[in-house]
C-alpha atoms as a PDB file:
ATOM      1  CA  UNK A   1    -135.367   1.764 -20.123  1.00  0.00           C
ATOM      2  CA  UNK A   2    -135.584   0.151 -23.583  1.00  0.00           C
ATOM      3  CA  UNK A   3    -138.911   0.049 -25.355  1.00  0.00           C
ATOM      4  CA  UNK A   4    -140.465  -3.397 -25.754  1.00  0.00           C
ATOM      5  CA  UNK A   5    -143.019  -4.051 -28.464  1.00  0.00           C
ATOM      6  CA  UNK A   6    -145.995  -6.118 -27.297  1.00  0.00           C
ATOM      7  CA  UNK A   7    -146.176  -9.239 -29.454  1.00  0.00           C
ATOM      8  CA  UNK A   8    -149.184 -11.503 -29.878  1.00  0.00           C
ATOM      9  CA  UNK A   9    -147.320 -14.091 -27.798  1.00  0.00           C
ATOM     10  CA  UNK A  10    -146.832 -11.584 -24.978  1.00  0.00           C
ATOM     11  CA  UNK A  11    -150.493 -10.603 -24.961  1.00  0.00           C
ATOM     12  CA  UNK A  12    -151.585 -14.249 -24.976  1.00  0.00           C
ATOM     13  CA  UNK A  13    -149.374 -14.980 -21.964  1.00  0.00           C
ATOM     14  CA  UNK A  14    -150.788 -11.980 -20.094  1.00  0.00           C
ATOM     15  CA  UNK A  15    -154.389 -12.958 -20.826  1.00  0.00           C
ATOM     16  CA  UNK A  16    -153.763 -16.527 -19.722  1.00  0.00           C
ATOM     17  CA  UNK A  17    -152.157 -15.384 -16.487  1.00  0.00           C
ATOM     18  CA  UNK A  18    -154.997 -12.955 -15.741  1.00  0.00           C
ATOM     19  CA  UNK A  19    -157.662 -15.605 -16.410  1.00  0.00           C
ATOM     20  CA  UNK A  20    -155.944 -18.203 -14.204  1.00  0.00           C
ATOM     21  CA  UNK A  21    -155.730 -15.718 -11.316  1.00  0.00           C
ATOM     22  CA  UNK A  22    -159.323 -14.637 -11.721  1.00  0.00           C
ATOM     23  CA  UNK A  23    -158.184 -11.176 -12.745  1.00  0.00           C
ATOM     24  CA  UNK A  24    -160.082  -8.448 -14.551  1.00  0.00           C
ATOM     25  CA  UNK A  25    -161.047  -9.849 -17.963  1.00  0.00           C
ATOM     26  CA  UNK A  26    -163.286  -6.924 -18.926  1.00  0.00           C
ATOM     27  CA  UNK A  27    -162.785  -4.879 -22.065  1.00  0.00           C
ATOM     28  CA  UNK A  28    -161.100  -2.139 -20.032  1.00  0.00           C
ATOM     29  CA  UNK A  29    -158.714  -4.424 -18.181  1.00  0.00           C
ATOM     30  CA  UNK A  30    -154.980  -4.820 -18.633  1.00  0.00           C
ATOM     31  CA  UNK A  31    -155.320  -8.081 -20.582  1.00  0.00           C
ATOM     32  CA  UNK A  32    -157.572  -6.404 -23.165  1.00  0.00           C
ATOM     33  CA  UNK A  33    -155.179  -3.478 -23.531  1.00  0.00           C
ATOM     34  CA  UNK A  34    -152.280  -5.912 -23.939  1.00  0.00           C
ATOM     35  CA  UNK A  35    -154.191  -7.749 -26.672  1.00  0.00           C
ATOM     36  CA  UNK A  36    -154.863  -4.466 -28.443  1.00  0.00           C
ATOM     37  CA  UNK A  37    -151.173  -3.550 -28.318  1.00  0.00           C
ATOM     38  CA  UNK A  38    -150.212  -6.998 -29.631  1.00  0.00           C
ATOM     39  CA  UNK A  39    -152.712  -6.698 -32.476  1.00  0.00           C
ATOM     40  CA  UNK A  40    -151.386  -3.269 -33.436  1.00  0.00           C
ATOM     41  CA  UNK A  41    -147.798  -4.512 -33.407  1.00  0.00           C
ATOM     42  CA  UNK A  42    -148.711  -7.541 -35.564  1.00  0.00           C
ATOM     43  CA  UNK A  43    -150.522  -5.289 -38.048  1.00  0.00           C
ATOM     44  CA  UNK A  44    -147.483  -3.008 -38.289  1.00  0.00           C
ATOM     45  CA  UNK A  45    -145.290  -6.013 -39.039  1.00  0.00           C
ATOM     46  CA  UNK A  46    -147.628  -7.189 -41.807  1.00  0.00           C
ATOM     47  CA  UNK A  47    -147.532  -3.691 -43.310  1.00  0.00           C
ATOM     48  CA  UNK A  48    -143.728  -3.689 -43.304  1.00  0.00           C
ATOM     49  CA  UNK A  49    -143.550  -7.181 -44.801  1.00  0.00           C
ATOM     50  CA  UNK A  50    -145.957  -6.335 -47.622  1.00  0.00           C
ATOM     51  CA  UNK A  51    -143.788  -3.455 -48.829  1.00  0.00           C
ATOM     52  CA  UNK A  52    -146.321  -0.714 -48.198  1.00  0.00           C
ATOM     53  CA  UNK A  53    -145.208   2.549 -46.696  1.00  0.00           C
ATOM     54  CA  UNK A  54    -146.454   3.776 -43.345  1.00  0.00           C
ATOM     55  CA  UNK A  55    -149.735   5.638 -42.994  1.00  0.00           C
ATOM     56  CA  UNK A  56    -147.975   8.820 -41.995  1.00  0.00           C
ATOM     57  CA  UNK A  57    -146.652   9.284 -45.529  1.00  0.00           C
ATOM     58  CA  UNK A  58    -150.213   9.434 -46.952  1.00  0.00           C
ATOM     59  CA  UNK A  59    -149.347   6.764 -49.485  1.00  0.00           C
ATOM     60  CA  UNK A  60    -150.505   3.173 -49.794  1.00  0.00           C
ATOM     61  CA  UNK A  61    -148.390   2.420 -52.811  1.00  0.00           C
ATOM     62  CA  UNK A  62    -145.935  -0.481 -52.748  1.00  0.00           C
ATOM     63  CA  UNK A  63    -142.290   0.407 -52.473  1.00  0.00           C
ATOM     64  CA  UNK A  64    -140.607   0.827 -55.829  1.00  0.00           C
ATOM     65  CA  UNK A  65    -137.366  -1.028 -55.313  1.00  0.00           C
ATOM     66  CA  UNK A  66    -135.719  -2.534 -58.367  1.00  0.00           C
ATOM     67  CA  UNK A  67    -135.328  -6.224 -58.708  1.00  0.00           C
ATOM     68  CA  UNK A  68    -133.971  -8.350 -61.500  1.00  0.00           C
ATOM     69  CA  UNK A  69    -135.338 -11.807 -61.996  1.00  0.00           C
ATOM     70  CA  UNK A  70    -134.934 -14.128 -64.930  1.00  0.00           C
ATOM     71  CA  UNK A  71    -136.881 -17.311 -65.455  1.00  0.00           C
ATOM     72  CA  UNK A  72    -135.241 -19.990 -67.521  1.00  0.00           C
END
């Protein structure tokens, strides 16, 4: 089965559904765990977009790609 990353949209939908049904809204419930997963996924996307390497490489330096830009 393919892996699905939990987005913030997914976690919001789950929390809304749980609240409407009167489900478990405690900090240990499924909705809270879904929110945590969505937050972690969003943070990983921000890290990728900012050009920083992953934490596993022990480096927080920006990537050193070359780019040419001229302003006229």
